[in-house]
PDB file of N, CA and C in Angstrom:
ATOM      1  N   MET A   1      -9.021 -17.070 -24.721  1.00  0.00           N
ATOM      2  CA  MET A   1      -7.993 -16.072 -24.500  1.00  0.00           C
ATOM      3  C   MET A   1      -6.645 -16.769 -24.283  1.00  0.00           C
ATOM      4  N   ARG A   2      -5.615 -16.034 -24.599  1.00  0.00           N
ATOM      5  CA  ARG A   2      -4.282 -16.608 -24.481  1.00  0.00           C
ATOM      6  C   ARG A   2      -3.706 -16.378 -23.088  1.00  0.00           C
ATOM      7  N   LYS A   3      -2.787 -17.272 -22.714  1.00  0.00           N
ATOM      8  CA  LYS A   3      -2.111 -17.125 -21.421  1.00  0.00           C
ATOM      9  C   LYS A   3      -1.267 -15.867 -21.383  1.00  0.00           C
ATOM     10  N   SER A   4      -0.692 -15.489 -22.527  1.00  0.00           N
ATOM     11  CA  SER A   4       0.156 -14.292 -22.557  1.00  0.00           C
ATOM     12  C   SER A   4      -0.650 -13.029 -22.302  1.00  0.00           C
ATOM     13  N   TYR A   5      -1.943 -13.083 -22.439  1.00  0.00           N
ATOM     14  CA  TYR A   5      -2.814 -11.943 -22.151  1.00  0.00           C
ATOM     15  C   TYR A   5      -3.271 -11.967 -20.694  1.00  0.00           C
ATOM     16  N   ILE A   6      -3.650 -13.118 -20.212  1.00  0.00           N
ATOM     17  CA  ILE A   6      -4.252 -13.232 -18.881  1.00  0.00           C
ATOM     18  C   ILE A   6      -3.205 -13.244 -17.771  1.00  0.00           C
ATOM     19  N   LEU A   7      -2.125 -13.980 -17.954  1.00  0.00           N
ATOM     20  CA  LEU A   7      -1.138 -14.162 -16.888  1.00  0.00           C
ATOM     21  C   LEU A   7      -0.532 -12.847 -16.393  1.00  0.00           C
ATOM     22  N   PRO A   8      -0.057 -11.936 -17.245  1.00  0.00           N
ATOM     23  CA  PRO A   8       0.488 -10.676 -16.706  1.00  0.00           C
ATOM     24  C   PRO A   8      -0.541  -9.860 -15.934  1.00  0.00           C
ATOM     25  N   ARG A   9      -1.782  -9.888 -16.378  1.00  0.00           N
ATOM     26  CA  ARG A   9      -2.818  -9.140 -15.668  1.00  0.00           C
ATOM     27  C   ARG A   9      -3.142  -9.763 -14.311  1.00  0.00           C
ATOM     28  N   LEU A  10      -3.126 -11.072 -14.236  1.00  0.00           N
ATOM     29  CA  LEU A  10      -3.335 -11.728 -12.948  1.00  0.00           C
ATOM     30  C   LEU A  10      -2.183 -11.443 -11.995  1.00  0.00           C
ATOM     31  N   ILE A  11      -0.973 -11.438 -12.515  1.00  0.00           N
ATOM     32  CA  ILE A  11       0.188 -11.139 -11.678  1.00  0.00           C
ATOM     33  C   ILE A  11       0.114  -9.701 -11.168  1.00  0.00           C
ATOM     34  N   LEU A  12      -0.224  -8.767 -12.038  1.00  0.00           N
ATOM     35  CA  LEU A  12      -0.354  -7.369 -11.633  1.00  0.00           C
ATOM     36  C   LEU A  12      -1.460  -7.194 -10.591  1.00  0.00           C
ATOM     37  N   LEU A  13      -2.570  -7.852 -10.795  1.00  0.00           N
ATOM     38  CA  LEU A  13      -3.676  -7.792  -9.840  1.00  0.00           C
ATOM     39  C   LEU A  13      -3.265  -8.378  -8.493  1.00  0.00           C
ATOM     40  N   ALA A  14      -2.554  -9.493  -8.503  1.00  0.00           N
ATOM     41  CA  ALA A  14      -2.090 -10.120  -7.260  1.00  0.00           C
ATOM     42  C   ALA A  14      -1.098  -9.215  -6.533  1.00  0.00           C
ATOM     43  N   MET A  15      -0.227  -8.554  -7.282  1.00  0.00           N
ATOM     44  CA  MET A  15       0.735  -7.641  -6.658  1.00  0.00           C
ATOM     45  C   MET A  15       0.036  -6.439  -6.040  1.00  0.00           C
ATOM     46  N   ALA A  16      -0.954  -5.890  -6.716  1.00  0.00           N
ATOM     47  CA  ALA A  16      -1.701  -4.756  -6.179  1.00  0.00           C
ATOM     48  C   ALA A  16      -2.468  -5.171  -4.928  1.00  0.00           C
ATOM     49  N   TRP A  17      -3.092  -6.345  -4.962  1.00  0.00           N
ATOM     50  CA  TRP A  17      -3.813  -6.846  -3.792  1.00  0.00           C
ATOM     51  C   TRP A  17      -2.856  -7.045  -2.620  1.00  0.00           C
ATOM     52  N   ALA A  18      -1.690  -7.641  -2.880  1.00  0.00           N
ATOM     53  CA  ALA A  18      -0.719  -7.900  -1.815  1.00  0.00           C
ATOM     54  C   ALA A  18      -0.237  -6.588  -1.196  1.00  0.00           C
ATOM     55  N   PHE A  19      -0.008  -5.569  -2.033  1.00  0.00           N
ATOM     56  CA  PHE A  19       0.423  -4.279  -1.496  1.00  0.00           C
ATOM     57  C   PHE A  19      -0.633  -3.709  -0.557  1.00  0.00           C
ATOM     58  N   PHE A  20      -1.873  -3.655  -1.001  1.00  0.00           N
ATOM     59  CA  PHE A  20      -2.912  -3.068  -0.162  1.00  0.00           C
ATOM     60  C   PHE A  20      -3.218  -3.929   1.057  1.00  0.00           C
ATOM     61  N   TYR A  21      -3.065  -5.243   0.951  1.00  0.00           N
ATOM     62  CA  TYR A  21      -3.365  -6.130   2.071  1.00  0.00           C
ATOM     63  C   TYR A  21      -2.275  -6.072   3.140  1.00  0.00           C
ATOM     64  N   PHE A  22      -1.008  -6.055   2.715  1.00  0.00           N
ATOM     65  CA  PHE A  22       0.094  -6.152   3.670  1.00  0.00           C
ATOM     66  C   PHE A  22       0.755  -4.820   4.009  1.00  0.00           C
ATOM     67  N   ALA A  23       0.874  -3.892   3.078  1.00  0.00           N
ATOM     68  CA  ALA A  23       1.714  -2.720   3.287  1.00  0.00           C
ATOM     69  C   ALA A  23       0.943  -1.417   3.434  1.00  0.00           C
ATOM     70  N   PHE A  24      -0.247  -1.313   2.910  1.00  0.00           N
ATOM     71  CA  PHE A  24      -0.937  -0.018   2.888  1.00  0.00           C
ATOM     72  C   PHE A  24      -1.267   0.489   4.285  1.00  0.00           C
ATOM     73  N   ASP A  25      -1.782  -0.360   5.139  1.00  0.00           N
ATOM     74  CA  ASP A  25      -2.179   0.067   6.485  1.00  0.00           C
ATOM     75  C   ASP A  25      -0.986   0.553   7.304  1.00  0.00           C
ATOM     76  N   PRO A  26       0.128  -0.185   7.356  1.00  0.00           N
ATOM     77  CA  PRO A  26       1.275   0.338   8.114  1.00  0.00           C
ATOM     78  C   PRO A  26       1.829   1.647   7.545  1.00  0.00           C
ATOM     79  N   ILE A  27       1.854   1.788   6.220  1.00  0.00           N
ATOM     80  CA  ILE A  27       2.345   3.021   5.606  1.00  0.00           C
ATOM     81  C   ILE A  27       1.417   4.178   5.947  1.00  0.00           C
ATOM     82  N   LEU A  28       0.113   3.946   5.876  1.00  0.00           N
ATOM     83  CA  LEU A  28      -0.863   4.980   6.206  1.00  0.00           C
ATOM     84  C   LEU A  28      -0.746   5.388   7.669  1.00  0.00           C
ATOM     85  N   LYS A  29      -0.617   4.419   8.570  1.00  0.00           N
ATOM     86  CA  LYS A  29      -0.486   4.697   9.991  1.00  0.00           C
ATOM     87  C   LYS A  29       0.788   5.501  10.265  1.00  0.00           C
ATOM     88  N   TRP A  30       1.896   5.107   9.650  1.00  0.00           N
ATOM     89  CA  TRP A  30       3.158   5.814   9.829  1.00  0.00           C
ATOM     90  C   TRP A  30       3.033   7.257   9.337  1.00  0.00           C
ATOM     91  N   GLY A  31       2.405   7.439   8.187  1.00  0.00           N
ATOM     92  CA  GLY A  31       2.238   8.774   7.628  1.00  0.00           C
ATOM     93  C   GLY A  31       1.368   9.660   8.502  1.00  0.00           C
ATOM     94  N   LEU A  32       0.300   9.096   9.032  1.00  0.00           N
ATOM     95  CA  LEU A  32      -0.569   9.876   9.927  1.00  0.00           C
ATOM     96  C   LEU A  32       0.167  10.283  11.192  1.00  0.00           C
ATOM     97  N   ILE A  33       0.936   9.381  11.764  1.00  0.00           N
ATOM     98  CA  ILE A  33       1.687   9.695  12.980  1.00  0.00           C
ATOM     99  C   ILE A  33       2.709  10.787  12.702  1.00  0.00           C
ATOM    100  N   LYS A  34       3.445  10.663  11.599  1.00  0.00           N
ATOM    101  CA  LYS A  34       4.444  11.680  11.266  1.00  0.00           C
ATOM    102  C   LYS A  34       3.780  13.034  11.005  1.00  0.00           C
ATOM    103  N   GLY A  35       2.635  13.029  10.342  1.00  0.00           N
ATOM    104  CA  GLY A  35       1.926  14.282  10.081  1.00  0.00           C
ATOM    105  C   GLY A  35       1.430  14.943  11.348  1.00  0.00           C
ATOM    106  N   ILE A  36       0.900  14.155  12.266  1.00  0.00           N
ATOM    107  CA  ILE A  36       0.427  14.693  13.548  1.00  0.00           C
ATOM    108  C   ILE A  36       1.599  15.246  14.351  1.00  0.00           C
ATOM    109  N   GLU A  37       2.709  14.506  14.369  1.00  0.00           N
ATOM    110  CA  GLU A  37       3.877  14.972  15.106  1.00  0.00           C
ATOM    111  C   GLU A  37       4.391  16.288  14.531  1.00  0.00           C
ATOM    112  N   LYS A  38       4.441  16.387  13.226  1.00  0.00           N
ATOM    113  CA  LYS A  38       4.940  17.620  12.601  1.00  0.00           C
ATOM    114  C   LYS A  38       3.970  18.776  12.830  1.00  0.00           C
ATOM    115  N   GLY A  39       2.675  18.499  12.745  1.00  0.00           N
ATOM    116  CA  GLY A  39       1.676  19.559  12.925  1.00  0.00           C
ATOM    117  C   GLY A  39       1.592  20.047  14.358  1.00  0.00           C
ATOM    118  N   ALA A  40       1.716  19.139  15.318  1.00  0.00           N
ATOM    119  CA  ALA A  40       1.597  19.505  16.726  1.00  0.00           C
ATOM    120  C   ALA A  40       2.947  19.848  17.351  1.00  0.00           C
ATOM    121  N   LYS A  41       4.018  19.633  16.624  1.00  0.00           N
ATOM    122  CA  LYS A  41       5.374  19.841  17.128  1.00  0.00           C
ATOM    123  C   LYS A  41       5.599  19.078  18.428  1.00  0.00           C
ATOM    124  N   ALA A  42       5.066  17.846  18.459  1.00  0.00           N
ATOM    125  CA  ALA A  42       5.184  17.000  19.644  1.00  0.00           C
ATOM    126  C   ALA A  42       5.315  15.541  19.194  1.00  0.00           C
ATOM    127  N   LYS A  43       5.672  14.700  20.140  1.00  0.00           N
ATOM    128  CA  LYS A  43       5.789  13.276  19.848  1.00  0.00           C
ATOM    129  C   LYS A  43       4.430  12.618  20.061  1.00  0.00           C
ATOM    130  N   ALA A  44       3.973  11.878  19.048  1.00  0.00           N
ATOM    131  CA  ALA A  44       2.670  11.219  19.158  1.00  0.00           C
ATOM    132  C   ALA A  44       2.851   9.745  19.474  1.00  0.00           C
TER     133      ALA A  44
END
């Protein structure tokens, strides 16, 4: 296989892994807190 085929896919895979490893949990936690606050009309 050629590098021009494999390299972009590896980069995309690494970027997706990095997003889920570093950013997904804080974004999910923030979203849950904001949703609870809006639903309960209180500060969580």
